[in-house]
Amino acid sequence: MRVTMVLLCCVLGMTACSSQYIMSTRDGRMITTDSKPRLDESTGMYRYHDSEGREVMISKEDVTQIMER
C-alpha cells in the first residue's frame, strides 16, 4: 500500500510539471506550446518549445493572449 501511494505521488508530481500553454494571435491562430512562453525584452519576441521540442520565436506584437491549458 505504501509503495502504491509513493508511485501515485511521483506520477502526479511529474504531470504537474509539464503544462501546455495556448497562445492566440492577431490573425486568429491558436498555437499550443510545450513550455511556458518567455518574453525576450531585448528582441520583443516570445520564445517557446513546440510539440517536437524545437525552440520557436514569435513577435510579442502578434500575440494577443497566453493561457495555461
PDB file of N, CA and C in Angstrom:
ATOM      1  N   MET A   1       0.828  -1.200   0.000  1.00  0.00           N
ATOM      2  CA  MET A   1       0.000   0.000   0.000  1.00  0.00           C
ATOM      3  C   MET A   1       0.871   1.261   0.000  1.00  0.00           C
ATOM      4  N   ARG A   2       1.924   1.227   0.790  1.00  0.00           N
ATOM      5  CA  ARG A   2       2.801   2.382   0.892  1.00  0.00           C
ATOM      6  C   ARG A   2       3.511   2.648  -0.444  1.00  0.00           C
ATOM      7  N   VAL A   3       3.947   1.584  -1.098  1.00  0.00           N
ATOM      8  CA  VAL A   3       4.629   1.720  -2.393  1.00  0.00           C
ATOM      9  C   VAL A   3       3.682   2.310  -3.431  1.00  0.00           C
ATOM     10  N   THR A   4       2.452   1.889  -3.418  1.00  0.00           N
ATOM     11  CA  THR A   4       1.451   2.404  -4.356  1.00  0.00           C
ATOM     12  C   THR A   4       1.243   3.898  -4.150  1.00  0.00           C
ATOM     13  N   MET A   5       1.177   4.339  -2.926  1.00  0.00           N
ATOM     14  CA  MET A   5       0.988   5.765  -2.642  1.00  0.00           C
ATOM     15  C   MET A   5       2.194   6.591  -3.107  1.00  0.00           C
ATOM     16  N   VAL A   6       3.390   6.066  -2.900  1.00  0.00           N
ATOM     17  CA  VAL A   6       4.598   6.768  -3.336  1.00  0.00           C
ATOM     18  C   VAL A   6       4.619   6.884  -4.859  1.00  0.00           C
ATOM     19  N   LEU A   7       4.292   5.808  -5.553  1.00  0.00           N
ATOM     20  CA  LEU A   7       4.252   5.835  -7.016  1.00  0.00           C
ATOM     21  C   LEU A   7       3.196   6.813  -7.526  1.00  0.00           C
ATOM     22  N   LEU A   8       2.056   6.820  -6.893  1.00  0.00           N
ATOM     23  CA  LEU A   8       0.989   7.733  -7.290  1.00  0.00           C
ATOM     24  C   LEU A   8       1.426   9.184  -7.115  1.00  0.00           C
ATOM     25  N   CYS A   9       2.078   9.491  -6.024  1.00  0.00           N
ATOM     26  CA  CYS A   9       2.570  10.852  -5.788  1.00  0.00           C
ATOM     27  C   CYS A   9       3.618  11.247  -6.828  1.00  0.00           C
ATOM     28  N   CYS A  10       4.488  10.324  -7.180  1.00  0.00           N
ATOM     29  CA  CYS A  10       5.510  10.606  -8.196  1.00  0.00           C
ATOM     30  C   CYS A  10       4.880  10.895  -9.554  1.00  0.00           C
ATOM     31  N   VAL A  11       3.908  10.100  -9.940  1.00  0.00           N
ATOM     32  CA  VAL A  11       3.239  10.293 -11.229  1.00  0.00           C
ATOM     33  C   VAL A  11       2.503  11.620 -11.259  1.00  0.00           C
ATOM     34  N   LEU A  12       1.796  11.951 -10.206  1.00  0.00           N
ATOM     35  CA  LEU A  12       1.079  13.228 -10.147  1.00  0.00           C
ATOM     36  C   LEU A  12       2.049  14.402 -10.155  1.00  0.00           C
ATOM     37  N   GLY A  13       3.172  14.249  -9.492  1.00  0.00           N
ATOM     38  CA  GLY A  13       4.172  15.309  -9.480  1.00  0.00           C
ATOM     39  C   GLY A  13       4.766  15.556 -10.848  1.00  0.00           C
ATOM     40  N   MET A  14       4.991  14.508 -11.606  1.00  0.00           N
ATOM     41  CA  MET A  14       5.563  14.662 -12.948  1.00  0.00           C
ATOM     42  C   MET A  14       4.568  15.290 -13.908  1.00  0.00           C
ATOM     43  N   THR A  15       3.303  14.960 -13.799  1.00  0.00           N
ATOM     44  CA  THR A  15       2.322  15.543 -14.713  1.00  0.00           C
ATOM     45  C   THR A  15       2.068  17.001 -14.380  1.00  0.00           C
ATOM     46  N   ALA A  16       2.219  17.386 -13.142  1.00  0.00           N
ATOM     47  CA  ALA A  16       2.000  18.778 -12.760  1.00  0.00           C
ATOM     48  C   ALA A  16       3.087  19.686 -13.314  1.00  0.00           C
ATOM     49  N   CYS A  17       4.256  19.161 -13.560  1.00  0.00           N
ATOM     50  CA  CYS A  17       5.371  19.963 -14.056  1.00  0.00           C
ATOM     51  C   CYS A  17       5.297  20.224 -15.556  1.00  0.00           C
ATOM     52  N   SER A  18       4.555  19.452 -16.281  1.00  0.00           N
ATOM     53  CA  SER A  18       4.520  19.593 -17.732  1.00  0.00           C
ATOM     54  C   SER A  18       3.211  20.232 -18.173  1.00  0.00           C
ATOM     55  N   SER A  19       3.182  21.543 -18.152  1.00  0.00           N
ATOM     56  CA  SER A  19       1.988  22.279 -18.558  1.00  0.00           C
ATOM     57  C   SER A  19       2.110  22.725 -20.002  1.00  0.00           C
ATOM     58  N   GLN A  20       1.006  22.730 -20.687  1.00  0.00           N
ATOM     59  CA  GLN A  20       0.965  23.269 -22.036  1.00  0.00           C
ATOM     60  C   GLN A  20       0.297  24.639 -21.973  1.00  0.00           C
ATOM     61  N   TYR A  21       0.656  25.477 -22.899  1.00  0.00           N
ATOM     62  CA  TYR A  21       0.076  26.807 -22.997  1.00  0.00           C
ATOM     63  C   TYR A  21      -0.490  26.992 -24.396  1.00  0.00           C
ATOM     64  N   ILE A  22      -1.494  27.846 -24.482  1.00  0.00           N
ATOM     65  CA  ILE A  22      -2.095  28.174 -25.771  1.00  0.00           C
ATOM     66  C   ILE A  22      -1.936  29.674 -25.978  1.00  0.00           C
ATOM     67  N   MET A  23      -1.363  30.034 -27.130  1.00  0.00           N
ATOM     68  CA  MET A  23      -1.219  31.438 -27.489  1.00  0.00           C
ATOM     69  C   MET A  23      -2.171  31.736 -28.636  1.00  0.00           C
ATOM     70  N   SER A  24      -2.948  32.787 -28.486  1.00  0.00           N
ATOM     71  CA  SER A  24      -3.782  33.225 -29.610  1.00  0.00           C
ATOM     72  C   SER A  24      -3.091  34.421 -30.254  1.00  0.00           C
ATOM     73  N   THR A  25      -3.191  34.483 -31.575  1.00  0.00           N
ATOM     74  CA  THR A  25      -2.503  35.527 -32.329  1.00  0.00           C
ATOM     75  C   THR A  25      -3.506  36.464 -32.978  1.00  0.00           C
ATOM     76  N   ARG A  26      -3.001  37.577 -33.455  1.00  0.00           N
ATOM     77  CA  ARG A  26      -3.863  38.584 -34.095  1.00  0.00           C
ATOM     78  C   ARG A  26      -4.570  38.040 -35.331  1.00  0.00           C
ATOM     79  N   ASP A  27      -3.941  37.088 -36.025  1.00  0.00           N
ATOM     80  CA  ASP A  27      -4.554  36.554 -37.243  1.00  0.00           C
ATOM     81  C   ASP A  27      -5.454  35.354 -36.967  1.00  0.00           C
ATOM     82  N   GLY A  28      -5.735  35.058 -35.684  1.00  0.00           N
ATOM     83  CA  GLY A  28      -6.699  34.024 -35.329  1.00  0.00           C
ATOM     84  C   GLY A  28      -6.125  32.642 -35.091  1.00  0.00           C
ATOM     85  N   ARG A  29      -4.814  32.480 -35.199  1.00  0.00           N
ATOM     86  CA  ARG A  29      -4.213  31.167 -34.937  1.00  0.00           C
ATOM     87  C   ARG A  29      -4.195  30.876 -33.449  1.00  0.00           C
ATOM     88  N   MET A  30      -4.282  29.595 -33.106  1.00  0.00           N
ATOM     89  CA  MET A  30      -4.139  29.121 -31.735  1.00  0.00           C
ATOM     90  C   MET A  30      -2.921  28.219 -31.726  1.00  0.00           C
ATOM     91  N   ILE A  31      -1.862  28.627 -31.045  1.00  0.00           N
ATOM     92  CA  ILE A  31      -0.604  27.891 -31.025  1.00  0.00           C
ATOM     93  C   ILE A  31      -0.473  27.196 -29.675  1.00  0.00           C
ATOM     94  N   THR A  32      -0.316  25.866 -29.694  1.00  0.00           N
ATOM     95  CA  THR A  32      -0.101  25.097 -28.471  1.00  0.00           C
ATOM     96  C   THR A  32       1.391  24.937 -28.261  1.00  0.00           C
ATOM     97  N   THR A  33       1.853  25.270 -27.054  1.00  0.00           N
ATOM     98  CA  THR A  33       3.272  25.176 -26.739  1.00  0.00           C
ATOM     99  C   THR A  33       3.499  24.121 -25.664  1.00  0.00           C
ATOM    100  N   ASP A  34       4.673  23.515 -25.670  1.00  0.00           N
ATOM    101  CA  ASP A  34       5.026  22.534 -24.647  1.00  0.00           C
ATOM    102  C   ASP A  34       5.830  23.154 -23.520  1.00  0.00           C
ATOM    103  N   SER A  35       6.058  24.453 -23.576  1.00  0.00           N
ATOM    104  CA  SER A  35       6.739  25.155 -22.495  1.00  0.00           C
ATOM    105  C   SER A  35       6.104  26.528 -22.347  1.00  0.00           C
ATOM    106  N   LYS A  36       6.322  27.133 -21.196  1.00  0.00           N
ATOM    107  CA  LYS A  36       5.766  28.460 -20.977  1.00  0.00           C
ATOM    108  C   LYS A  36       6.509  29.463 -21.849  1.00  0.00           C
ATOM    109  N   PRO A  37       5.787  30.240 -22.658  1.00  0.00           N
ATOM    110  CA  PRO A  37       6.443  31.245 -23.492  1.00  0.00           C
ATOM    111  C   PRO A  37       7.136  32.296 -22.616  1.00  0.00           C
ATOM    112  N   ARG A  38       8.375  32.594 -22.943  1.00  0.00           N
ATOM    113  CA  ARG A  38       9.164  33.584 -22.209  1.00  0.00           C
ATOM    114  C   ARG A  38       9.436  34.773 -23.126  1.00  0.00           C
ATOM    115  N   LEU A  39       9.188  35.978 -22.630  1.00  0.00           N
ATOM    116  CA  LEU A  39       9.407  37.179 -23.422  1.00  0.00           C
ATOM    117  C   LEU A  39      10.860  37.606 -23.309  1.00  0.00           C
ATOM    118  N   ASP A  40      11.529  37.743 -24.453  1.00  0.00           N
ATOM    119  CA  ASP A  40      12.887  38.273 -24.520  1.00  0.00           C
ATOM    120  C   ASP A  40      12.752  39.773 -24.758  1.00  0.00           C
ATOM    121  N   GLU A  41      12.974  40.549 -23.704  1.00  0.00           N
ATOM    122  CA  GLU A  41      12.780  42.006 -23.774  1.00  0.00           C
ATOM    123  C   GLU A  41      13.682  42.665 -24.816  1.00  0.00           C
ATOM    124  N   SER A  42      14.879  42.126 -25.019  1.00  0.00           N
ATOM    125  CA  SER A  42      15.819  42.763 -25.950  1.00  0.00           C
ATOM    126  C   SER A  42      15.376  42.646 -27.403  1.00  0.00           C
ATOM    127  N   THR A  43      14.653  41.571 -27.741  1.00  0.00           N
ATOM    128  CA  THR A  43      14.218  41.384 -29.130  1.00  0.00           C
ATOM    129  C   THR A  43      12.718  41.612 -29.317  1.00  0.00           C
ATOM    130  N   GLY A  44      11.943  41.605 -28.222  1.00  0.00           N
ATOM    131  CA  GLY A  44      10.495  41.751 -28.335  1.00  0.00           C
ATOM    132  C   GLY A  44       9.826  40.494 -28.869  1.00  0.00           C
ATOM    133  N   MET A  45      10.459  39.351 -28.655  1.00  0.00           N
ATOM    134  CA  MET A  45       9.942  38.080 -29.167  1.00  0.00           C
ATOM    135  C   MET A  45       9.666  37.125 -28.006  1.00  0.00           C
ATOM    136  N   TYR A  46       8.592  36.344 -28.146  1.00  0.00           N
ATOM    137  CA  TYR A  46       8.318  35.249 -27.220  1.00  0.00           C
ATOM    138  C   TYR A  46       9.065  34.020 -27.716  1.00  0.00           C
ATOM    139  N   ARG A  47       9.704  33.302 -26.785  1.00  0.00           N
ATOM    140  CA  ARG A  47      10.381  32.038 -27.092  1.00  0.00           C
ATOM    141  C   ARG A  47       9.615  30.921 -26.403  1.00  0.00           C
ATOM    142  N   TYR A  48       9.418  29.823 -27.136  1.00  0.00           N
ATOM    143  CA  TYR A  48       8.748  28.659 -26.565  1.00  0.00           C
ATOM    144  C   TYR A  48       9.204  27.417 -27.311  1.00  0.00           C
ATOM    145  N   HIS A  49       8.854  26.251 -26.777  1.00  0.00           N
ATOM    146  CA  HIS A  49       9.172  24.983 -27.434  1.00  0.00           C
ATOM    147  C   HIS A  49       7.885  24.381 -27.991  1.00  0.00           C
ATOM    148  N   ASP A  50       7.940  23.934 -29.231  1.00  0.00           N
ATOM    149  CA  ASP A  50       6.765  23.323 -29.855  1.00  0.00           C
ATOM    150  C   ASP A  50       6.675  21.845 -29.485  1.00  0.00           C
ATOM    151  N   SER A  51       5.701  21.144 -30.054  1.00  0.00           N
ATOM    152  CA  SER A  51       5.454  19.741 -29.705  1.00  0.00           C
ATOM    153  C   SER A  51       6.604  18.821 -30.117  1.00  0.00           C
ATOM    154  N   GLU A  52       7.457  19.265 -31.034  1.00  0.00           N
ATOM    155  CA  GLU A  52       8.598  18.465 -31.462  1.00  0.00           C
ATOM    156  C   GLU A  52       9.881  18.839 -30.732  1.00  0.00           C
ATOM    157  N   GLY A  53       9.773  19.738 -29.749  1.00  0.00           N
ATOM    158  CA  GLY A  53      10.921  20.119 -28.946  1.00  0.00           C
ATOM    159  C   GLY A  53      11.783  21.221 -29.530  1.00  0.00           C
ATOM    160  N   ARG A  54      11.366  21.791 -30.649  1.00  0.00           N
ATOM    161  CA  ARG A  54      12.139  22.866 -31.274  1.00  0.00           C
ATOM    162  C   ARG A  54      11.829  24.197 -30.608  1.00  0.00           C
ATOM    163  N   GLU A  55      12.844  25.045 -30.486  1.00  0.00           N
ATOM    164  CA  GLU A  55      12.618  26.387 -29.963  1.00  0.00           C
ATOM    165  C   GLU A  55      12.066  27.260 -31.080  1.00  0.00           C
ATOM    166  N   VAL A  56      10.980  27.958 -30.790  1.00  0.00           N
ATOM    167  CA  VAL A  56      10.306  28.800 -31.780  1.00  0.00           C
ATOM    168  C   VAL A  56      10.169  30.194 -31.194  1.00  0.00           C
ATOM    169  N   MET A  57      10.197  31.199 -32.066  1.00  0.00           N
ATOM    170  CA  MET A  57      10.023  32.579 -31.621  1.00  0.00           C
ATOM    171  C   MET A  57       8.874  33.213 -32.386  1.00  0.00           C
ATOM    172  N   ILE A  58       8.137  34.089 -31.688  1.00  0.00           N
ATOM    173  CA  ILE A  58       7.050  34.838 -32.316  1.00  0.00           C
ATOM    174  C   ILE A  58       7.057  36.242 -31.724  1.00  0.00           C
ATOM    175  N   SER A  59       6.790  37.221 -32.545  1.00  0.00           N
ATOM    176  CA  SER A  59       6.791  38.615 -32.100  1.00  0.00           C
ATOM    177  C   SER A  59       5.701  38.854 -31.057  1.00  0.00           C
ATOM    178  N   LYS A  60       6.035  39.631 -30.039  1.00  0.00           N
ATOM    179  CA  LYS A  60       5.043  39.918 -28.994  1.00  0.00           C
ATOM    180  C   LYS A  60       3.884  40.737 -29.565  1.00  0.00           C
ATOM    181  N   GLU A  61       4.109  41.452 -30.653  1.00  0.00           N
ATOM    182  CA  GLU A  61       3.049  42.230 -31.303  1.00  0.00           C
ATOM    183  C   GLU A  61       1.985  41.327 -31.924  1.00  0.00           C
ATOM    184  N   ASP A  62       2.360  40.103 -32.293  1.00  0.00           N
ATOM    185  CA  ASP A  62       1.422  39.168 -32.915  1.00  0.00           C
ATOM    186  C   ASP A  62       0.590  38.388 -31.902  1.00  0.00           C
ATOM    187  N   VAL A  63       1.012  38.370 -30.633  1.00  0.00           N
ATOM    188  CA  VAL A  63       0.339  37.570 -29.610  1.00  0.00           C
ATOM    189  C   VAL A  63      -0.699  38.443 -28.888  1.00  0.00           C
ATOM    190  N   THR A  64      -1.929  37.929 -28.822  1.00  0.00           N
ATOM    191  CA  THR A  64      -2.972  38.663 -28.117  1.00  0.00           C
ATOM    192  C   THR A  64      -3.260  38.111 -26.733  1.00  0.00           C
ATOM    193  N   GLN A  65      -3.040  36.800 -26.532  1.00  0.00           N
ATOM    194  CA  GLN A  65      -3.335  36.190 -25.244  1.00  0.00           C
ATOM    195  C   GLN A  65      -2.546  34.906 -25.080  1.00  0.00           C
ATOM    196  N   ILE A  66      -2.126  34.630 -23.825  1.00  0.00           N
ATOM    197  CA  ILE A  66      -1.459  33.376 -23.486  1.00  0.00           C
ATOM    198  C   ILE A  66      -2.217  32.760 -22.313  1.00  0.00           C
ATOM    199  N   MET A  67      -2.661  31.499 -22.498  1.00  0.00           N
ATOM    200  CA  MET A  67      -3.424  30.808 -21.464  1.00  0.00           C
ATOM    201  C   MET A  67      -2.763  29.475 -21.130  1.00  0.00           C
ATOM    202  N   GLU A  68      -2.797  29.096 -19.846  1.00  0.00           N
ATOM    203  CA  GLU A  68      -2.316  27.787 -19.465  1.00  0.00           C
ATOM    204  C   GLU A  68      -3.431  26.781 -19.723  1.00  0.00           C
ATOM    205  N   ARG A  69      -3.068  25.673 -20.307  1.00  0.00           N
ATOM    206  CA  ARG A  69      -4.053  24.649 -20.646  1.00  0.00           C
ATOM    207  C   ARG A  69      -4.314  23.728 -19.489  1.00  0.00           C
TER     208      ARG A  69
END
